[in-house]
Amino acid sequence: MAKPNTSRLDREIRLTERKIQAVQKEEFWPLTGAERRKVRGALVGGSYRVLRGKSTGRAERALEEAWNAVNTRLGAELAALQKERQRIVGEAAAEKAAKKSSGWW
């Protein structure tokens, strides 16, 4: 029996890991449209308050919460992909063991 085909999942796992690294560097490309709007809104709000000479605490918290939400989403996505890969590998191993044990000598 051949090895299970996990190349598609492996590619998705690598892409998700790259997205997580990009989010940690605060890059915008892995964000969804709604997440981009949240981050830009917090940046604009903070910039406005800086121009007015006021505290940026709320905008900073909003920005931090947005990045944390993205990081959480990507972490959950990565965990789901890894779990699916493990399930496929486990099924293939069980199939192989069943095939081996059912053979006669």
N, C-alpha and C. Protein backbone atom coordinates (compact mmCIF):
# COMPACT_ATOMS: atom_id res chain seq x y z
N MET A 1 0.84 -1.19 0.00
CA MET A 1 0.00 0.00 0.00
C MET A 1 0.88 1.24 0.00
N ALA A 2 0.48 2.23 -0.76
CA ALA A 2 1.25 3.46 -0.86
C ALA A 2 1.02 4.35 0.35
N LYS A 3 1.91 5.29 0.51
CA LYS A 3 1.75 6.26 1.60
C LYS A 3 0.53 7.14 1.33
N PRO A 4 -0.09 7.64 2.38
CA PRO A 4 -1.25 8.51 2.17
C PRO A 4 -0.82 9.82 1.50
N ASN A 5 -1.68 10.34 0.65
CA ASN A 5 -1.36 11.57 -0.07
C ASN A 5 -1.73 12.77 0.81
N THR A 6 -0.72 13.34 1.44
CA THR A 6 -0.94 14.49 2.31
C THR A 6 -0.27 15.75 1.76
N SER A 7 0.10 15.71 0.50
CA SER A 7 0.85 16.85 -0.06
C SER A 7 0.03 18.14 -0.04
N ARG A 8 -1.26 18.05 -0.34
CA ARG A 8 -2.11 19.24 -0.32
C ARG A 8 -2.18 19.82 1.09
N LEU A 9 -2.38 18.94 2.07
CA LEU A 9 -2.44 19.40 3.46
C LEU A 9 -1.10 19.96 3.92
N ASP A 10 -0.02 19.31 3.52
CA ASP A 10 1.31 19.79 3.90
C ASP A 10 1.55 21.19 3.34
N ARG A 11 1.11 21.40 2.10
CA ARG A 11 1.26 22.72 1.48
C ARG A 11 0.44 23.77 2.24
N GLU A 12 -0.78 23.43 2.60
CA GLU A 12 -1.63 24.34 3.36
C GLU A 12 -1.04 24.63 4.74
N ILE A 13 -0.47 23.62 5.37
CA ILE A 13 0.16 23.80 6.69
C ILE A 13 1.34 24.76 6.58
N ARG A 14 2.17 24.58 5.56
CA ARG A 14 3.31 25.48 5.36
C ARG A 14 2.84 26.91 5.11
N LEU A 15 1.79 27.06 4.30
CA LEU A 15 1.26 28.39 4.02
C LEU A 15 0.72 29.05 5.30
N THR A 16 0.02 28.29 6.11
CA THR A 16 -0.53 28.83 7.35
C THR A 16 0.58 29.22 8.31
N GLU A 17 1.64 28.42 8.36
CA GLU A 17 2.79 28.78 9.21
C GLU A 17 3.43 30.08 8.73
N ARG A 18 3.53 30.25 7.41
CA ARG A 18 4.07 31.50 6.86
C ARG A 18 3.16 32.67 7.22
N LYS A 19 1.85 32.44 7.18
CA LYS A 19 0.91 33.51 7.54
C LYS A 19 1.09 33.90 9.00
N ILE A 20 1.27 32.93 9.88
CA ILE A 20 1.46 33.22 11.30
C ILE A 20 2.72 34.05 11.50
N GLN A 21 3.80 33.67 10.83
CA GLN A 21 5.04 34.45 10.94
C GLN A 21 4.84 35.87 10.42
N ALA A 22 4.09 36.01 9.34
CA ALA A 22 3.83 37.34 8.78
C ALA A 22 3.01 38.19 9.74
N VAL A 23 2.03 37.58 10.40
CA VAL A 23 1.21 38.32 11.35
C VAL A 23 2.05 38.76 12.55
N GLN A 24 2.98 37.92 12.97
CA GLN A 24 3.85 38.29 14.08
C GLN A 24 4.75 39.47 13.71
N LYS A 25 5.03 39.62 12.42
CA LYS A 25 5.80 40.77 11.94
C LYS A 25 4.87 41.94 11.58
N GLU A 26 3.59 41.76 11.83
CA GLU A 26 2.55 42.75 11.56
C GLU A 26 2.47 43.12 10.08
N GLU A 27 2.53 42.11 9.21
CA GLU A 27 2.33 42.30 7.78
C GLU A 27 0.84 42.15 7.48
N PHE A 28 0.38 42.80 6.43
CA PHE A 28 -1.05 42.83 6.13
C PHE A 28 -1.53 41.72 5.21
N TRP A 29 -0.66 41.08 4.43
CA TRP A 29 -1.14 40.17 3.39
C TRP A 29 -1.94 38.97 3.90
N PRO A 30 -1.71 38.44 5.11
CA PRO A 30 -2.53 37.28 5.50
C PRO A 30 -3.89 37.65 6.10
N LEU A 31 -4.19 38.93 6.25
CA LEU A 31 -5.43 39.35 6.90
C LEU A 31 -6.60 39.28 5.93
N THR A 32 -7.78 39.00 6.49
CA THR A 32 -9.01 39.06 5.69
C THR A 32 -9.43 40.53 5.58
N GLY A 33 -10.43 40.80 4.76
CA GLY A 33 -10.89 42.17 4.58
C GLY A 33 -11.37 42.81 5.87
N ALA A 34 -12.14 42.05 6.65
CA ALA A 34 -12.66 42.59 7.91
C ALA A 34 -11.52 42.86 8.89
N GLU A 35 -10.55 41.99 8.92
CA GLU A 35 -9.41 42.18 9.82
C GLU A 35 -8.59 43.40 9.40
N ARG A 36 -8.44 43.58 8.09
CA ARG A 36 -7.72 44.76 7.60
C ARG A 36 -8.43 46.04 8.01
N ARG A 37 -9.76 46.05 7.89
CA ARG A 37 -10.52 47.23 8.28
C ARG A 37 -10.36 47.52 9.76
N LYS A 38 -10.36 46.48 10.59
CA LYS A 38 -10.18 46.67 12.03
C LYS A 38 -8.82 47.29 12.33
N VAL A 39 -7.77 46.73 11.73
CA VAL A 39 -6.41 47.21 11.98
C VAL A 39 -6.26 48.64 11.48
N ARG A 40 -6.73 48.91 10.27
CA ARG A 40 -6.62 50.27 9.72
C ARG A 40 -7.42 51.26 10.55
N GLY A 41 -8.59 50.84 11.00
CA GLY A 41 -9.41 51.73 11.84
C GLY A 41 -8.69 52.08 13.13
N ALA A 42 -8.05 51.11 13.75
CA ALA A 42 -7.31 51.38 14.98
C ALA A 42 -6.12 52.29 14.70
N LEU A 43 -5.44 52.06 13.57
CA LEU A 43 -4.31 52.92 13.22
C LEU A 43 -4.75 54.36 12.96
N VAL A 44 -5.83 54.52 12.23
CA VAL A 44 -6.33 55.86 11.93
C VAL A 44 -6.79 56.55 13.20
N GLY A 45 -7.51 55.81 14.05
CA GLY A 45 -7.97 56.39 15.31
C GLY A 45 -6.81 56.83 16.19
N GLY A 46 -5.79 56.02 16.25
CA GLY A 46 -4.61 56.38 17.04
C GLY A 46 -3.88 57.57 16.46
N SER A 47 -3.77 57.60 15.13
CA SER A 47 -3.10 58.73 14.47
C SER A 47 -3.84 60.03 14.73
N TYR A 48 -5.15 59.97 14.64
CA TYR A 48 -5.96 61.16 14.89
C TYR A 48 -5.74 61.68 16.31
N ARG A 49 -5.72 60.77 17.26
CA ARG A 49 -5.55 61.19 18.65
C ARG A 49 -4.14 61.73 18.89
N VAL A 50 -3.15 61.18 18.20
CA VAL A 50 -1.78 61.71 18.33
C VAL A 50 -1.74 63.14 17.80
N LEU A 51 -2.39 63.37 16.66
CA LEU A 51 -2.42 64.72 16.10
C LEU A 51 -3.10 65.72 17.04
N ARG A 52 -4.07 65.26 17.77
CA ARG A 52 -4.79 66.12 18.71
C ARG A 52 -4.08 66.21 20.06
N GLY A 53 -3.00 65.45 20.22
CA GLY A 53 -2.25 65.49 21.48
C GLY A 53 -2.94 64.76 22.62
N LYS A 54 -3.71 63.74 22.28
CA LYS A 54 -4.45 63.01 23.31
C LYS A 54 -3.89 61.60 23.46
N SER A 55 -4.40 60.90 24.45
CA SER A 55 -3.95 59.55 24.74
C SER A 55 -4.41 58.57 23.64
N THR A 56 -3.53 57.63 23.31
CA THR A 56 -3.85 56.64 22.27
C THR A 56 -4.12 55.27 22.87
N GLY A 57 -4.40 55.21 24.14
CA GLY A 57 -4.57 53.92 24.83
C GLY A 57 -5.64 53.03 24.22
N ARG A 58 -6.80 53.61 23.93
CA ARG A 58 -7.90 52.80 23.38
C ARG A 58 -7.54 52.28 21.99
N ALA A 59 -6.94 53.12 21.17
CA ALA A 59 -6.57 52.70 19.81
C ALA A 59 -5.48 51.63 19.87
N GLU A 60 -4.55 51.76 20.78
CA GLU A 60 -3.50 50.75 20.93
C GLU A 60 -4.09 49.41 21.35
N ARG A 61 -5.06 49.46 22.28
CA ARG A 61 -5.71 48.22 22.71
C ARG A 61 -6.48 47.58 21.56
N ALA A 62 -7.17 48.40 20.79
CA ALA A 62 -7.94 47.89 19.64
C ALA A 62 -7.01 47.25 18.62
N LEU A 63 -5.88 47.89 18.39
CA LEU A 63 -4.90 47.34 17.44
C LEU A 63 -4.33 46.02 17.95
N GLU A 64 -3.99 45.98 19.21
CA GLU A 64 -3.46 44.75 19.81
C GLU A 64 -4.49 43.62 19.76
N GLU A 65 -5.74 43.96 20.07
CA GLU A 65 -6.81 42.96 20.02
C GLU A 65 -7.01 42.43 18.60
N ALA A 66 -6.91 43.30 17.61
CA ALA A 66 -7.07 42.87 16.22
C ALA A 66 -5.97 41.90 15.82
N TRP A 67 -4.72 42.24 16.16
CA TRP A 67 -3.61 41.33 15.82
C TRP A 67 -3.74 40.01 16.57
N ASN A 68 -4.17 40.07 17.82
CA ASN A 68 -4.35 38.83 18.59
C ASN A 68 -5.45 37.96 18.00
N ALA A 69 -6.53 38.59 17.52
CA ALA A 69 -7.62 37.84 16.91
C ALA A 69 -7.15 37.13 15.64
N VAL A 70 -6.35 37.82 14.84
CA VAL A 70 -5.81 37.21 13.63
C VAL A 70 -4.90 36.04 13.99
N ASN A 71 -4.05 36.25 14.98
CA ASN A 71 -3.14 35.19 15.41
C ASN A 71 -3.92 33.98 15.93
N THR A 72 -4.98 34.22 16.67
CA THR A 72 -5.80 33.13 17.19
C THR A 72 -6.47 32.37 16.05
N ARG A 73 -7.01 33.11 15.08
CA ARG A 73 -7.67 32.47 13.94
C ARG A 73 -6.70 31.58 13.18
N LEU A 74 -5.51 32.10 12.91
CA LEU A 74 -4.53 31.33 12.17
C LEU A 74 -4.03 30.13 12.97
N GLY A 75 -3.90 30.30 14.28
CA GLY A 75 -3.50 29.17 15.13
C GLY A 75 -4.53 28.06 15.11
N ALA A 76 -5.80 28.42 15.15
CA ALA A 76 -6.87 27.42 15.09
C ALA A 76 -6.89 26.74 13.72
N GLU A 77 -6.66 27.52 12.68
CA GLU A 77 -6.61 26.97 11.32
C GLU A 77 -5.47 25.96 11.20
N LEU A 78 -4.31 26.31 11.74
CA LEU A 78 -3.16 25.43 11.69
C LEU A 78 -3.43 24.15 12.48
N ALA A 79 -4.02 24.27 13.65
CA ALA A 79 -4.33 23.09 14.46
C ALA A 79 -5.30 22.17 13.74
N ALA A 80 -6.30 22.75 13.07
CA ALA A 80 -7.27 21.93 12.33
C ALA A 80 -6.60 21.20 11.17
N LEU A 81 -5.72 21.88 10.46
CA LEU A 81 -5.02 21.24 9.34
C LEU A 81 -4.13 20.11 9.83
N GLN A 82 -3.42 20.34 10.93
CA GLN A 82 -2.55 19.30 11.47
C GLN A 82 -3.36 18.11 11.97
N LYS A 83 -4.51 18.38 12.56
CA LYS A 83 -5.37 17.30 13.04
C LYS A 83 -5.90 16.47 11.87
N GLU A 84 -6.29 17.15 10.80
CA GLU A 84 -6.78 16.45 9.61
C GLU A 84 -5.68 15.59 9.00
N ARG A 85 -4.47 16.12 8.95
CA ARG A 85 -3.35 15.36 8.41
C ARG A 85 -3.09 14.12 9.26
N GLN A 86 -3.13 14.29 10.57
CA GLN A 86 -2.91 13.16 11.47
C GLN A 86 -4.00 12.11 11.30
N ARG A 87 -5.24 12.56 11.08
CA ARG A 87 -6.34 11.61 10.88
C ARG A 87 -6.12 10.79 9.61
N ILE A 88 -5.69 11.44 8.53
CA ILE A 88 -5.45 10.73 7.27
C ILE A 88 -4.33 9.73 7.43
N VAL A 89 -3.24 10.13 8.09
CA VAL A 89 -2.11 9.22 8.30
C VAL A 89 -2.54 8.05 9.19
N GLY A 90 -3.32 8.33 10.22
CA GLY A 90 -3.80 7.27 11.12
C GLY A 90 -4.70 6.28 10.41
N GLU A 91 -5.59 6.77 9.57
CA GLU A 91 -6.46 5.88 8.80
C GLU A 91 -5.65 4.99 7.87
N ALA A 92 -4.65 5.57 7.22
CA ALA A 92 -3.81 4.79 6.31
C ALA A 92 -3.05 3.72 7.08
N ALA A 93 -2.57 4.06 8.27
CA ALA A 93 -1.84 3.08 9.08
C ALA A 93 -2.77 1.96 9.53
N ALA A 94 -3.99 2.29 9.93
CA ALA A 94 -4.94 1.28 10.36
C ALA A 94 -5.32 0.37 9.20
N GLU A 95 -5.49 0.97 8.02
CA GLU A 95 -5.80 0.19 6.82
C GLU A 95 -4.67 -0.78 6.49
N LYS A 96 -3.46 -0.30 6.61
CA LYS A 96 -2.30 -1.14 6.31
C LYS A 96 -2.18 -2.28 7.32
N ALA A 97 -2.41 -1.96 8.60
CA ALA A 97 -2.34 -3.00 9.63
C ALA A 97 -3.43 -4.04 9.43
N ALA A 98 -4.62 -3.60 9.07
CA ALA A 98 -5.72 -4.54 8.83
C ALA A 98 -5.42 -5.42 7.63
N LYS A 99 -4.84 -4.85 6.61
CA LYS A 99 -4.50 -5.61 5.41
C LYS A 99 -3.41 -6.65 5.71
N LYS A 100 -2.45 -6.24 6.53
CA LYS A 100 -1.36 -7.15 6.90
C LYS A 100 -1.86 -8.29 7.76
N SER A 101 -2.74 -8.00 8.72
CA SER A 101 -3.20 -9.02 9.65
C SER A 101 -4.19 -9.97 8.99
N SER A 102 -4.84 -9.54 7.93
CA SER A 102 -5.83 -10.41 7.30
C SER A 102 -5.19 -11.39 6.31
N GLY A 103 -3.95 -11.18 6.00
CA GLY A 103 -3.27 -12.09 5.07
C GLY A 103 -3.05 -13.47 5.66
N TRP A 104 -2.88 -14.46 4.81
CA TRP A 104 -2.62 -15.80 5.32
C TRP A 104 -1.20 -16.19 4.96
N TRP A 105 -0.68 -17.19 5.67
CA TRP A 105 0.72 -17.57 5.46
C TRP A 105 0.74 -18.85 4.71
